[in-house]
Amino acid sequence: MLRALKNLFHRPALRFGLARDRRHGRLRDPRFVSFVAQSNRKSLNTDLRDVVLRGRVFFRKVLITAVILGVAWVAIESAQALSVF
């Protein structure tokens, strides 16, 4: 019972600034953010990523269409071959 109460009222060292929050990566570290801001790097162009993602979706649709057309062609050719006999 005492352990449950202790865990309930425990204040983690994170609140006092005595420990680092491991849930967040380096991007939440203010020193890292200020370093990135001071380095004057060009911002990441997200348009290229969007183009790549759209290209993948388009390629997937083309591939699915090609597979469906291939299966339909095989079915039609098989039906024609069976009708000959």
PDB file of N, CA and C in Angstrom:
ATOM      1  N   MET A   1       0.819  -1.193   0.000  1.00  0.00           N
ATOM      2  CA  MET A   1       0.000   0.000   0.000  1.00  0.00           C
ATOM      3  C   MET A   1       0.864   1.258   0.000  1.00  0.00           C
ATOM      4  N   LEU A   2       1.933   1.240   0.786  1.00  0.00           N
ATOM      5  CA  LEU A   2       2.811   2.399   0.828  1.00  0.00           C
ATOM      6  C   LEU A   2       3.490   2.627  -0.526  1.00  0.00           C
ATOM      7  N   ARG A   3       3.838   1.535  -1.193  1.00  0.00           N
ATOM      8  CA  ARG A   3       4.476   1.661  -2.506  1.00  0.00           C
ATOM      9  C   ARG A   3       3.529   2.301  -3.524  1.00  0.00           C
ATOM     10  N   ALA A   4       2.244   1.934  -3.477  1.00  0.00           N
ATOM     11  CA  ALA A   4       1.258   2.512  -4.380  1.00  0.00           C
ATOM     12  C   ALA A   4       1.112   4.011  -4.135  1.00  0.00           C
ATOM     13  N   LEU A   5       1.067   4.417  -2.873  1.00  0.00           N
ATOM     14  CA  LEU A   5       0.974   5.843  -2.550  1.00  0.00           C
ATOM     15  C   LEU A   5       2.245   6.592  -2.980  1.00  0.00           C
ATOM     16  N   LYS A   6       3.382   5.957  -2.766  1.00  0.00           N
ATOM     17  CA  LYS A   6       4.638   6.586  -3.152  1.00  0.00           C
ATOM     18  C   LYS A   6       4.695   6.791  -4.664  1.00  0.00           C
ATOM     19  N   ASN A   7       4.262   5.777  -5.421  1.00  0.00           N
ATOM     20  CA  ASN A   7       4.243   5.911  -6.880  1.00  0.00           C
ATOM     21  C   ASN A   7       3.224   6.940  -7.343  1.00  0.00           C
ATOM     22  N   LEU A   8       2.127   7.058  -6.604  1.00  0.00           N
ATOM     23  CA  LEU A   8       1.089   8.020  -6.983  1.00  0.00           C
ATOM     24  C   LEU A   8       1.556   9.458  -6.808  1.00  0.00           C
ATOM     25  N   PHE A   9       2.282   9.722  -5.733  1.00  0.00           N
ATOM     26  CA  PHE A   9       2.719  11.082  -5.444  1.00  0.00           C
ATOM     27  C   PHE A   9       4.166  11.365  -5.827  1.00  0.00           C
ATOM     28  N   HIS A  10       4.771  10.465  -6.550  1.00  0.00           N
ATOM     29  CA  HIS A  10       6.168  10.652  -6.959  1.00  0.00           C
ATOM     30  C   HIS A  10       6.263  11.737  -8.028  1.00  0.00           C
ATOM     31  N   ARG A  11       7.146  12.681  -7.822  1.00  0.00           N
ATOM     32  CA  ARG A  11       7.376  13.716  -8.829  1.00  0.00           C
ATOM     33  C   ARG A  11       8.672  13.361  -9.551  1.00  0.00           C
ATOM     34  N   PRO A  12       8.590  13.080 -10.841  1.00  0.00           N
ATOM     35  CA  PRO A  12       9.796  12.663 -11.553  1.00  0.00           C
ATOM     36  C   PRO A  12      10.822  13.778 -11.640  1.00  0.00           C
ATOM     37  N   ALA A  13      12.066  13.386 -11.804  1.00  0.00           N
ATOM     38  CA  ALA A  13      13.161  14.351 -11.874  1.00  0.00           C
ATOM     39  C   ALA A  13      13.061  15.220 -13.121  1.00  0.00           C
ATOM     40  N   LEU A  14      12.256  14.801 -14.094  1.00  0.00           N
ATOM     41  CA  LEU A  14      12.098  15.598 -15.312  1.00  0.00           C
ATOM     42  C   LEU A  14      11.518  16.974 -15.006  1.00  0.00           C
ATOM     43  N   ARG A  15      10.586  17.023 -14.083  1.00  0.00           N
ATOM     44  CA  ARG A  15       9.933  18.296 -13.766  1.00  0.00           C
ATOM     45  C   ARG A  15      10.903  19.279 -13.130  1.00  0.00           C
ATOM     46  N   PHE A  16      11.890  18.791 -12.427  1.00  0.00           N
ATOM     47  CA  PHE A  16      12.843  19.654 -11.769  1.00  0.00           C
ATOM     48  C   PHE A  16      14.049  19.956 -12.647  1.00  0.00           C
ATOM     49  N   GLY A  17      14.089  19.372 -13.830  1.00  0.00           N
ATOM     50  CA  GLY A  17      15.211  19.601 -14.725  1.00  0.00           C
ATOM     51  C   GLY A  17      16.441  18.801 -14.354  1.00  0.00           C
ATOM     52  N   LEU A  18      16.288  17.780 -13.540  1.00  0.00           N
ATOM     53  CA  LEU A  18      17.431  16.980 -13.120  1.00  0.00           C
ATOM     54  C   LEU A  18      17.730  15.833 -14.079  1.00  0.00           C
ATOM     55  N   ALA A  19      16.784  15.490 -14.939  1.00  0.00           N
ATOM     56  CA  ALA A  19      16.984  14.408 -15.889  1.00  0.00           C
ATOM     57  C   ALA A  19      16.433  14.832 -17.239  1.00  0.00           C
ATOM     58  N   ARG A  20      16.958  14.214 -18.286  1.00  0.00           N
ATOM     59  CA  ARG A  20      16.486  14.517 -19.640  1.00  0.00           C
ATOM     60  C   ARG A  20      15.302  13.631 -19.977  1.00  0.00           C
ATOM     61  N   ASP A  21      14.416  14.160 -20.777  1.00  0.00           N
ATOM     62  CA  ASP A  21      13.235  13.414 -21.199  1.00  0.00           C
ATOM     63  C   ASP A  21      13.631  12.509 -22.352  1.00  0.00           C
ATOM     64  N   ARG A  22      13.626  11.211 -22.131  1.00  0.00           N
ATOM     65  CA  ARG A  22      14.048  10.256 -23.165  1.00  0.00           C
ATOM     66  C   ARG A  22      12.944   9.972 -24.173  1.00  0.00           C
ATOM     67  N   ARG A  23      11.729  10.451 -23.915  1.00  0.00           N
ATOM     68  CA  ARG A  23      10.644  10.206 -24.866  1.00  0.00           C
ATOM     69  C   ARG A  23      10.829  11.005 -26.139  1.00  0.00           C
ATOM     70  N   HIS A  24      11.507  12.102 -26.044  1.00  0.00           N
ATOM     71  CA  HIS A  24      11.688  12.964 -27.208  1.00  0.00           C
ATOM     72  C   HIS A  24      13.105  12.796 -27.724  1.00  0.00           C
ATOM     73  N   GLY A  25      13.245  12.870 -29.020  1.00  0.00           N
ATOM     74  CA  GLY A  25      14.558  12.705 -29.619  1.00  0.00           C
ATOM     75  C   GLY A  25      15.367  13.984 -29.567  1.00  0.00           C
ATOM     76  N   ARG A  26      16.388  14.057 -30.392  1.00  0.00           N
ATOM     77  CA  ARG A  26      17.267  15.215 -30.392  1.00  0.00           C
ATOM     78  C   ARG A  26      16.565  16.465 -30.907  1.00  0.00           C
ATOM     79  N   LEU A  27      15.476  16.292 -31.643  1.00  0.00           N
ATOM     80  CA  LEU A  27      14.803  17.458 -32.212  1.00  0.00           C
ATOM     81  C   LEU A  27      14.155  18.337 -31.152  1.00  0.00           C
ATOM     82  N   ARG A  28      13.891  17.798 -29.980  1.00  0.00           N
ATOM     83  CA  ARG A  28      13.297  18.598 -28.910  1.00  0.00           C
ATOM     84  C   ARG A  28      14.358  19.289 -28.067  1.00  0.00           C
ATOM     85  N   ASP A  29      15.608  18.961 -28.264  1.00  0.00           N
ATOM     86  CA  ASP A  29      16.684  19.543 -27.482  1.00  0.00           C
ATOM     87  C   ASP A  29      16.889  20.992 -27.932  1.00  0.00           C
ATOM     88  N   PRO A  30      16.751  21.978 -27.056  1.00  0.00           N
ATOM     89  CA  PRO A  30      16.877  23.377 -27.480  1.00  0.00           C
ATOM     90  C   PRO A  30      18.266  23.708 -28.016  1.00  0.00           C
ATOM     91  N   ARG A  31      19.297  23.014 -27.538  1.00  0.00           N
ATOM     92  CA  ARG A  31      20.640  23.278 -28.067  1.00  0.00           C
ATOM     93  C   ARG A  31      20.728  22.856 -29.527  1.00  0.00           C
ATOM     94  N   PHE A  32      20.096  21.730 -29.869  1.00  0.00           N
ATOM     95  CA  PHE A  32      20.113  21.264 -31.248  1.00  0.00           C
ATOM     96  C   PHE A  32      19.318  22.199 -32.146  1.00  0.00           C
ATOM     97  N   VAL A  33      18.180  22.662 -31.658  1.00  0.00           N
ATOM     98  CA  VAL A  33      17.345  23.568 -32.448  1.00  0.00           C
ATOM     99  C   VAL A  33      18.081  24.879 -32.699  1.00  0.00           C
ATOM    100  N   SER A  34      18.757  25.409 -31.696  1.00  0.00           N
ATOM    101  CA  SER A  34      19.482  26.662 -31.903  1.00  0.00           C
ATOM    102  C   SER A  34      20.666  26.454 -32.842  1.00  0.00           C
ATOM    103  N   PHE A  35      21.295  25.287 -32.783  1.00  0.00           N
ATOM    104  CA  PHE A  35      22.389  24.996 -33.713  1.00  0.00           C
ATOM    105  C   PHE A  35      21.878  24.979 -35.147  1.00  0.00           C
ATOM    106  N   VAL A  36      20.747  24.347 -35.368  1.00  0.00           N
ATOM    107  CA  VAL A  36      20.181  24.288 -36.718  1.00  0.00           C
ATOM    108  C   VAL A  36      19.792  25.687 -37.176  1.00  0.00           C
ATOM    109  N   ALA A  37      19.230  26.490 -36.274  1.00  0.00           N
ATOM    110  CA  ALA A  37      18.820  27.843 -36.644  1.00  0.00           C
ATOM    111  C   ALA A  37      20.025  28.718 -36.968  1.00  0.00           C
ATOM    112  N   GLN A  38      21.138  28.532 -36.282  1.00  0.00           N
ATOM    113  CA  GLN A  38      22.313  29.368 -36.506  1.00  0.00           C
ATOM    114  C   GLN A  38      23.142  28.906 -37.695  1.00  0.00           C
ATOM    115  N   SER A  39      22.961  27.679 -38.128  1.00  0.00           N
ATOM    116  CA  SER A  39      23.811  27.171 -39.196  1.00  0.00           C
ATOM    117  C   SER A  39      23.378  27.673 -40.571  1.00  0.00           C
ATOM    118  N   ASN A  40      22.219  28.334 -40.665  1.00  0.00           N
ATOM    119  CA  ASN A  40      21.713  28.921 -41.909  1.00  0.00           C
ATOM    120  C   ASN A  40      21.627  27.906 -43.040  1.00  0.00           C
ATOM    121  N   ARG A  41      21.256  26.696 -42.696  1.00  0.00           N
ATOM    122  CA  ARG A  41      21.077  25.683 -43.734  1.00  0.00           C
ATOM    123  C   ARG A  41      19.804  25.954 -44.498  1.00  0.00           C
ATOM    124  N   LYS A  42      19.806  25.551 -45.750  1.00  0.00           N
ATOM    125  CA  LYS A  42      18.614  25.704 -46.561  1.00  0.00           C
ATOM    126  C   LYS A  42      17.518  24.788 -46.024  1.00  0.00           C
ATOM    127  N   SER A  43      16.305  25.275 -45.991  1.00  0.00           N
ATOM    128  CA  SER A  43      15.222  24.459 -45.458  1.00  0.00           C
ATOM    129  C   SER A  43      14.973  23.265 -46.378  1.00  0.00           C
ATOM    130  N   LEU A  44      14.477  22.198 -45.797  1.00  0.00           N
ATOM    131  CA  LEU A  44      14.238  20.974 -46.532  1.00  0.00           C
ATOM    132  C   LEU A  44      13.097  21.179 -47.513  1.00  0.00           C
ATOM    133  N   ASN A  45      13.351  20.819 -48.744  1.00  0.00           N
ATOM    134  CA  ASN A  45      12.340  20.953 -49.784  1.00  0.00           C
ATOM    135  C   ASN A  45      11.418  19.750 -49.705  1.00  0.00           C
ATOM    136  N   THR A  46      10.194  19.963 -49.225  1.00  0.00           N
ATOM    137  CA  THR A  46       9.265  18.857 -49.091  1.00  0.00           C
ATOM    138  C   THR A  46       8.543  18.570 -50.392  1.00  0.00           C
ATOM    139  N   ASP A  47       8.667  19.444 -51.395  1.00  0.00           N
ATOM    140  CA  ASP A  47       8.013  19.192 -52.669  1.00  0.00           C
ATOM    141  C   ASP A  47       8.563  17.925 -53.320  1.00  0.00           C
ATOM    142  N   LEU A  48       9.867  17.697 -53.214  1.00  0.00           N
ATOM    143  CA  LEU A  48      10.466  16.500 -53.795  1.00  0.00           C
ATOM    144  C   LEU A  48       9.903  15.255 -53.142  1.00  0.00           C
ATOM    145  N   ARG A  49       9.738  15.299 -51.848  1.00  0.00           N
ATOM    146  CA  ARG A  49       9.170  14.144 -51.146  1.00  0.00           C
ATOM    147  C   ARG A  49       7.742  13.890 -51.601  1.00  0.00           C
ATOM    148  N   ASP A  50       6.967  14.959 -51.767  1.00  0.00           N
ATOM    149  CA  ASP A  50       5.597  14.806 -52.245  1.00  0.00           C
ATOM    150  C   ASP A  50       5.562  14.213 -53.648  1.00  0.00           C
ATOM    151  N   VAL A  51       6.487  14.648 -54.507  1.00  0.00           N
ATOM    152  CA  VAL A  51       6.549  14.118 -55.866  1.00  0.00           C
ATOM    153  C   VAL A  51       6.882  12.629 -55.839  1.00  0.00           C
ATOM    154  N   VAL A  52       7.819  12.246 -54.984  1.00  0.00           N
ATOM    155  CA  VAL A  52       8.195  10.835 -54.871  1.00  0.00           C
ATOM    156  C   VAL A  52       7.010  10.008 -54.386  1.00  0.00           C
ATOM    157  N   LEU A  53       6.294  10.517 -53.393  1.00  0.00           N
ATOM    158  CA  LEU A  53       5.140   9.780 -52.880  1.00  0.00           C
ATOM    159  C   LEU A  53       4.047   9.654 -53.937  1.00  0.00           C
ATOM    160  N   ARG A  54       3.788  10.740 -54.679  1.00  0.00           N
ATOM    161  CA  ARG A  54       2.795  10.664 -55.750  1.00  0.00           C
ATOM    162  C   ARG A  54       3.234   9.704 -56.835  1.00  0.00           C
ATOM    163  N   GLY A  55       4.538   9.683 -57.136  1.00  0.00           N
ATOM    164  CA  GLY A  55       5.061   8.753 -58.133  1.00  0.00           C
ATOM    165  C   GLY A  55       4.889   7.308 -57.699  1.00  0.00           C
ATOM    166  N   ARG A  56       5.105   7.035 -56.417  1.00  0.00           N
ATOM    167  CA  ARG A  56       4.914   5.671 -55.916  1.00  0.00           C
ATOM    168  C   ARG A  56       3.466   5.240 -56.025  1.00  0.00           C
ATOM    169  N   VAL A  57       2.550   6.145 -55.690  1.00  0.00           N
ATOM    170  CA  VAL A  57       1.126   5.820 -55.785  1.00  0.00           C
ATOM    171  C   VAL A  57       0.753   5.570 -57.235  1.00  0.00           C
ATOM    172  N   PHE A  58       1.245   6.409 -58.141  1.00  0.00           N
ATOM    173  CA  PHE A  58       0.959   6.239 -59.565  1.00  0.00           C
ATOM    174  C   PHE A  58       1.513   4.914 -60.066  1.00  0.00           C
ATOM    175  N   PHE A  59       2.764   4.584 -59.696  1.00  0.00           N
ATOM    176  CA  PHE A  59       3.372   3.330 -60.127  1.00  0.00           C
ATOM    177  C   PHE A  59       2.601   2.134 -59.585  1.00  0.00           C
ATOM    178  N   ARG A  60       2.132   2.220 -58.344  1.00  0.00           N
ATOM    179  CA  ARG A  60       1.348   1.138 -57.763  1.00  0.00           C
ATOM    180  C   ARG A  60       0.048   0.933 -58.532  1.00  0.00           C
ATOM    181  N   LYS A  61      -0.609   2.043 -58.903  1.00  0.00           N
ATOM    182  CA  LYS A  61      -1.864   1.928 -59.662  1.00  0.00           C
ATOM    183  C   LYS A  61      -1.609   1.337 -61.034  1.00  0.00           C
ATOM    184  N   VAL A  62      -0.518   1.746 -61.687  1.00  0.00           N
ATOM    185  CA  VAL A  62      -0.182   1.196 -63.001  1.00  0.00           C
ATOM    186  C   VAL A  62       0.116  -0.293 -62.886  1.00  0.00           C
ATOM    187  N   LEU A  63       0.846  -0.692 -61.858  1.00  0.00           N
ATOM    188  CA  LEU A  63       1.178  -2.097 -61.658  1.00  0.00           C
ATOM    189  C   LEU A  63      -0.074  -2.932 -61.409  1.00  0.00           C
ATOM    190  N   ILE A  64      -0.984  -2.438 -60.589  1.00  0.00           N
ATOM    191  CA  ILE A  64      -2.228  -3.173 -60.314  1.00  0.00           C
ATOM    192  C   ILE A  64      -3.063  -3.285 -61.586  1.00  0.00           C
ATOM    193  N   THR A  65      -3.130  -2.211 -62.362  1.00  0.00           N
ATOM    194  CA  THR A  65      -3.876  -2.252 -63.623  1.00  0.00           C
ATOM    195  C   THR A  65      -3.252  -3.257 -64.585  1.00  0.00           C
ATOM    196  N   ALA A  66      -1.929  -3.295 -64.670  1.00  0.00           N
ATOM    197  CA  ALA A  66      -1.253  -4.237 -65.555  1.00  0.00           C
ATOM    198  C   ALA A  66      -1.517  -5.679 -65.125  1.00  0.00           C
ATOM    199  N   VAL A  67      -1.513  -5.936 -63.826  1.00  0.00           N
ATOM    200  CA  VAL A  67      -1.786  -7.290 -63.344  1.00  0.00           C
ATOM    201  C   VAL A  67      -3.222  -7.694 -63.670  1.00  0.00           C
ATOM    202  N   ILE A  68      -4.163  -6.783 -63.469  1.00  0.00           N
ATOM    203  CA  ILE A  68      -5.570  -7.085 -63.766  1.00  0.00           C
ATOM    204  C   ILE A  68      -5.752  -7.344 -65.257  1.00  0.00           C
ATOM    205  N   LEU A  69      -5.139  -6.516 -66.095  1.00  0.00           N
ATOM    206  CA  LEU A  69      -5.240  -6.731 -67.545  1.00  0.00           C
ATOM    207  C   LEU A  69      -4.572  -8.043 -67.958  1.00  0.00           C
ATOM    208  N   GLY A  70      -3.456  -8.392 -67.320  1.00  0.00           N
ATOM    209  CA  GLY A  70      -2.786  -9.652 -67.625  1.00  0.00           C
ATOM    210  C   GLY A  70      -3.648 -10.852 -67.264  1.00  0.00           C
ATOM    211  N   VAL A  71      -4.269 -10.799 -66.105  1.00  0.00           N
ATOM    212  CA  VAL A  71      -5.151 -11.897 -65.690  1.00  0.00           C
ATOM    213  C   VAL A  71      -6.346 -11.995 -66.629  1.00  0.00           C
ATOM    214  N   ALA A  72      -6.906 -10.862 -67.026  1.00  0.00           N
ATOM    215  CA  ALA A  72      -8.041 -10.871 -67.955  1.00  0.00           C
ATOM    216  C   ALA A  72      -7.624 -11.437 -69.310  1.00  0.00           C
ATOM    217  N   TRP A  73      -6.445 -11.078 -69.783  1.00  0.00           N
ATOM    218  CA  TRP A  73      -5.956 -11.591 -71.072  1.00  0.00           C
ATOM    219  C   TRP A  73      -5.781 -13.102 -71.016  1.00  0.00           C
ATOM    220  N   VAL A  74      -5.195 -13.612 -69.924  1.00  0.00           N
ATOM    221  CA  VAL A  74      -5.018 -15.059 -69.776  1.00  0.00           C
ATOM    222  C   VAL A  74      -6.375 -15.753 -69.729  1.00  0.00           C
ATOM    223  N   ALA A  75      -7.333 -15.171 -69.039  1.00  0.00           N
ATOM    224  CA  ALA A  75      -8.667 -15.777 -68.946  1.00  0.00           C
ATOM    225  C   ALA A  75      -9.337 -15.809 -70.320  1.00  0.00           C
ATOM    226  N   ILE A  76      -9.227 -14.723 -71.074  1.00  0.00           N
ATOM    227  CA  ILE A  76      -9.838 -14.673 -72.408  1.00  0.00           C
ATOM    228  C   ILE A  76      -9.172 -15.671 -73.343  1.00  0.00           C
ATOM    229  N   GLU A  77      -7.834 -15.730 -73.335  1.00  0.00           N
ATOM    230  CA  GLU A  77      -7.120 -16.678 -74.190  1.00  0.00           C
ATOM    231  C   GLU A  77      -7.448 -18.118 -73.803  1.00  0.00           C
ATOM    232  N   SER A  78      -7.584 -18.387 -72.511  1.00  0.00           N
ATOM    233  CA  SER A  78      -7.933 -19.743 -72.075  1.00  0.00           C
ATOM    234  C   SER A  78      -9.345 -20.105 -72.525  1.00  0.00           C
ATOM    235  N   ALA A  79     -10.260 -19.154 -72.439  1.00  0.00           N
ATOM    236  CA  ALA A  79     -11.619 -19.406 -72.877  1.00  0.00           C
ATOM    237  C   ALA A  79     -11.672 -19.674 -74.379  1.00  0.00           C
ATOM    238  N   GLN A  80     -10.894 -18.916 -75.147  1.00  0.00           N
ATOM    239  CA  GLN A  80     -10.851 -19.135 -76.595  1.00  0.00           C
ATOM    240  C   GLN A  80     -10.225 -20.498 -76.914  1.00  0.00           C
ATOM    241  N   ALA A  81      -9.177 -20.864 -76.184  1.00  0.00           N
ATOM    242  CA  ALA A  81      -8.539 -22.157 -76.440  1.00  0.00           C
ATOM    243  C   ALA A  81      -9.480 -23.306 -76.085  1.00  0.00           C
ATOM    244  N   LEU A  82     -10.262 -23.166 -75.013  1.00  0.00           N
ATOM    245  CA  LEU A  82     -11.191 -24.215 -74.634  1.00  0.00           C
ATOM    246  C   LEU A  82     -12.365 -24.314 -75.611  1.00  0.00           C
ATOM    247  N   SER A  83     -12.735 -23.181 -76.197  1.00  0.00           N
ATOM    248  CA  SER A  83     -13.844 -23.205 -77.146  1.00  0.00           C
ATOM    249  C   SER A  83     -13.459 -23.888 -78.454  1.00  0.00           C
ATOM    250  N   VAL A  84     -12.159 -23.941 -78.761  1.00  0.00           N
ATOM    251  CA  VAL A  84     -11.711 -24.595 -79.989  1.00  0.00           C
ATOM    252  C   VAL A  84     -11.926 -26.108 -79.850  1.00  0.00           C
ATOM    253  N   PHE A  85     -11.658 -26.636 -78.660  1.00  0.00           N
ATOM    254  CA  PHE A  85     -11.796 -28.083 -78.466  1.00  0.00           C
ATOM    255  C   PHE A  85     -13.238 -28.379 -78.219  1.00  0.00           C
TER     256      PHE A  85
END
